[in-house]
């Protein structure tokens, strides 16, 4: 019985992988980050398409994390490169040990007062697990970028054409030489 079940499963897989697509059938195209619309920290919808032509640093953030001081570095990075086309996008998430428990209003107040954040902040989303936001499902499934978000302050660099070109873990300092070199190269391309 076990062998029959295995044979059925292998046959089904073979058929699905070898399915012919007819000329009139629509095959979905991979999305780009520009096709996502998310609410900003004030609850207003923002289509990421408005950032076409910009270099994006997408970061999942938290207010009660050991990496929370990176808000200061992220703001400094934004200030340094915003006139050249870099936009930092902050996405608060409460996926890791409840380190972002606040409301959007509380998060906005915290970021403004404590770190003087001026880069775009978005409403709290899920970046991991069953309820992962489609944007983060997209980011974590890109070739050579795949894998789950490991903690707060994971970072994705998206070039001005919308291609995810780099991924950095939580401990990567936004002001590091390594990140600066990749940012400079992308801005000069």
Protein backbone atom coordinates (compact mmCIF):
# COMPACT_ATOMS: atom_id res chain seq x y z
CA UNK A 1 0.00 0.00 0.00
CA UNK A 2 2.86 2.36 0.88
CA UNK A 3 4.48 1.72 -2.53
CA UNK A 4 1.20 2.38 -4.35
CA UNK A 5 0.78 5.70 -2.50
CA UNK A 6 4.36 6.68 -3.35
CA UNK A 7 3.80 5.82 -7.01
CA UNK A 8 0.62 7.94 -7.10
CA UNK A 9 2.42 10.91 -5.52
CA UNK A 10 5.37 10.66 -7.95
CA UNK A 11 2.98 10.40 -10.92
CA UNK A 12 1.01 13.45 -9.77
CA UNK A 13 4.20 15.45 -9.35
CA UNK A 14 5.42 14.39 -12.80
CA UNK A 15 2.14 15.36 -14.43
CA UNK A 16 2.01 18.76 -12.72
CA UNK A 17 5.63 19.57 -13.61
CA UNK A 18 5.11 18.54 -17.23
CA UNK A 19 1.79 20.30 -17.74
CA UNK A 20 1.65 22.10 -21.06
CA UNK A 21 0.44 25.69 -21.04
CA UNK A 22 -1.97 26.55 -23.81
CA UNK A 23 -1.50 29.74 -25.82
CA UNK A 24 -4.63 31.34 -24.36
CA UNK A 25 -3.83 30.49 -20.73
CA UNK A 26 -2.58 33.35 -18.56
CA UNK A 27 0.59 32.55 -16.65
CA UNK A 28 1.10 34.82 -13.60
CA UNK A 29 4.23 36.98 -13.66
CA UNK A 30 6.28 37.48 -10.51
CA UNK A 31 5.41 40.69 -8.71
CA UNK A 32 7.91 43.40 -7.96
CA UNK A 33 8.00 45.45 -4.78
CA UNK A 34 6.34 48.22 -6.78
CA UNK A 35 3.08 46.28 -6.99
CA UNK A 36 2.44 46.24 -3.24
CA UNK A 37 0.24 48.74 -1.43
CA UNK A 38 0.52 48.98 2.35
CA UNK A 39 -0.79 51.39 4.94
CA UNK A 40 1.65 53.93 6.29
CA UNK A 41 2.01 54.49 10.03
CA UNK A 42 -0.97 56.89 9.87
CA UNK A 43 -3.19 54.34 8.12
CA UNK A 44 -3.03 55.88 4.64
CA UNK A 45 -2.48 53.48 1.71
CA UNK A 46 0.90 53.82 0.01
CA UNK A 47 1.62 52.13 -3.30
CA UNK A 48 5.30 51.24 -3.34
CA UNK A 49 5.25 52.06 -7.06
CA UNK A 50 5.74 55.68 -6.05
CA UNK A 51 9.34 54.70 -5.21
CA UNK A 52 10.22 53.50 -8.74
CA UNK A 53 13.65 54.79 -9.64
CA UNK A 54 14.75 54.99 -5.98
CA UNK A 55 17.11 52.70 -4.09
CA UNK A 56 15.10 51.17 -1.23
CA UNK A 57 16.29 49.80 2.08
CA UNK A 58 13.38 47.80 3.51
CA UNK A 59 13.70 47.03 7.23
CA UNK A 60 11.48 45.21 9.72
CA UNK A 61 11.69 47.18 12.95
CA UNK A 62 10.81 46.88 16.64
CA UNK A 63 10.85 49.36 19.54
CA UNK A 64 11.95 47.02 22.33
CA UNK A 65 14.79 45.10 20.75
CA UNK A 66 18.52 45.12 21.36
CA UNK A 67 18.83 46.38 17.77
CA UNK A 68 16.36 49.26 18.26
CA UNK A 69 19.25 51.80 18.38
CA UNK A 70 19.67 51.05 14.65
CA UNK A 71 16.84 53.55 14.12
CA UNK A 72 19.52 56.20 14.67
CA UNK A 73 21.81 54.63 12.06
CA UNK A 74 18.93 54.15 9.62
CA UNK A 75 17.97 57.82 9.97
CA UNK A 76 21.62 58.89 9.49
CA UNK A 77 21.86 56.70 6.38
CA UNK A 78 18.62 58.16 5.03
CA UNK A 79 19.80 61.72 5.64
CA UNK A 80 23.16 60.99 3.98
CA UNK A 81 21.76 59.45 0.79
CA UNK A 82 18.16 60.65 0.37
CA UNK A 83 19.13 63.45 -2.02
CA UNK A 84 20.85 60.83 -4.18
CA UNK A 85 17.82 58.53 -4.27
CA UNK A 86 17.92 56.24 -1.21
CA UNK A 87 14.68 55.73 0.70
CA UNK A 88 14.56 53.75 3.94
CA UNK A 89 11.20 52.06 4.54
CA UNK A 90 10.46 50.91 8.10
CA UNK A 91 7.98 48.09 8.74
CA UNK A 92 7.27 47.54 12.45
CA UNK A 93 6.59 43.89 13.31
CA UNK A 94 5.80 42.09 16.54
CA UNK A 95 6.95 38.64 15.41
CA UNK A 96 9.90 38.17 17.74
CA UNK A 97 9.29 37.86 21.46
CA UNK A 98 6.69 40.64 21.51
CA UNK A 99 9.30 43.35 20.95
CA UNK A 100 6.90 45.64 19.06
CA UNK A 101 3.75 45.62 21.23
CA UNK A 102 2.70 49.22 20.63
CA UNK A 103 -0.01 50.64 18.42
CA UNK A 104 0.94 52.43 15.21
CA UNK A 105 0.42 55.74 16.98
CA UNK A 106 2.72 54.68 19.85
CA UNK A 107 5.37 53.44 17.40
CA UNK A 108 5.27 56.70 15.46
CA UNK A 109 5.60 58.75 18.65
CA UNK A 110 8.49 56.58 19.90
CA UNK A 111 10.40 56.80 16.60
CA UNK A 112 9.84 60.55 16.28
CA UNK A 113 10.76 61.51 19.83
CA UNK A 114 13.52 59.02 20.60
CA UNK A 115 15.26 58.76 17.20
CA UNK A 116 13.85 61.70 15.20
CA UNK A 117 12.91 59.32 12.36
CA UNK A 118 11.88 61.10 9.17
CA UNK A 119 12.04 58.17 6.72
CA UNK A 120 8.71 56.54 5.76
CA UNK A 121 7.28 54.27 8.44
CA UNK A 122 4.46 51.84 7.78
CA UNK A 123 1.70 50.27 9.84
CA UNK A 124 2.66 47.20 11.84
CA UNK A 125 2.67 43.99 9.77
CA UNK A 126 3.74 40.39 10.17
CA UNK A 127 7.09 39.50 8.58
CA UNK A 128 7.15 35.84 9.55
CA UNK A 129 4.91 32.85 10.14
CA UNK A 130 1.49 31.92 8.83
CA UNK A 131 0.28 35.51 8.61
CA UNK A 132 3.38 36.86 6.84
CA UNK A 133 2.56 39.91 4.76
CA UNK A 134 2.76 39.27 0.98
CA UNK A 135 5.55 41.87 0.65
CA UNK A 136 7.73 39.88 3.04
CA UNK A 137 6.73 36.60 1.42
CA UNK A 138 7.97 38.14 -1.84
CA UNK A 139 11.22 39.46 -0.32
CA UNK A 140 12.09 36.20 1.42
CA UNK A 141 11.51 34.11 -1.71
CA UNK A 142 13.83 35.98 -4.09
CA UNK A 143 16.69 33.87 -5.49
CA UNK A 144 19.74 34.09 -3.22
CA UNK A 145 17.67 36.09 -0.68
CA UNK A 146 15.33 33.29 0.33
CA UNK A 147 14.75 32.19 3.86
CA UNK A 148 12.70 33.40 6.77
CA UNK A 149 13.22 36.68 8.57
CA UNK A 150 15.44 35.72 11.48
CA UNK A 151 14.85 38.64 13.84
CA UNK A 152 14.05 42.35 13.99
CA UNK A 153 16.04 44.70 11.75
CA UNK A 154 16.64 42.35 8.81
CA UNK A 155 17.31 44.54 5.78
CA UNK A 156 16.67 44.21 2.03
CA UNK A 157 18.24 46.52 -0.53
CA UNK A 158 16.14 46.98 -3.69
CA UNK A 159 17.73 48.67 -6.70
CA UNK A 160 16.02 51.52 -8.62
CA UNK A 161 14.61 48.99 -11.12
CA UNK A 162 12.93 46.98 -8.35
CA UNK A 163 15.38 44.08 -8.10
CA UNK A 164 16.32 42.85 -4.61
CA UNK A 165 20.12 43.07 -4.69
CA UNK A 166 21.21 42.47 -1.09
CA UNK A 167 19.99 41.11 2.20
CA UNK A 168 21.51 41.89 5.60
CA UNK A 169 20.89 40.28 8.96
CA UNK A 170 19.89 42.10 12.12
CA UNK A 171 23.42 42.78 13.32
CA UNK A 172 24.48 44.51 10.07
CA UNK A 173 25.07 48.15 10.92
CA UNK A 174 23.34 50.38 8.34
CA UNK A 175 26.40 52.68 8.46
CA UNK A 176 28.92 49.88 7.86
CA UNK A 177 31.52 50.13 5.11
CA UNK A 178 30.08 46.97 3.54
CA UNK A 179 26.60 48.44 3.21
CA UNK A 180 27.94 51.84 2.11
CA UNK A 181 29.90 50.21 -0.73
CA UNK A 182 26.80 48.40 -2.05
CA UNK A 183 24.66 51.54 -1.70
CA UNK A 184 27.26 53.69 -3.51
CA UNK A 185 27.55 51.16 -6.32
CA UNK A 186 23.76 50.94 -6.73
CA UNK A 187 23.33 54.73 -6.69
CA UNK A 188 26.09 55.17 -9.28
CA UNK A 189 24.72 52.53 -11.68
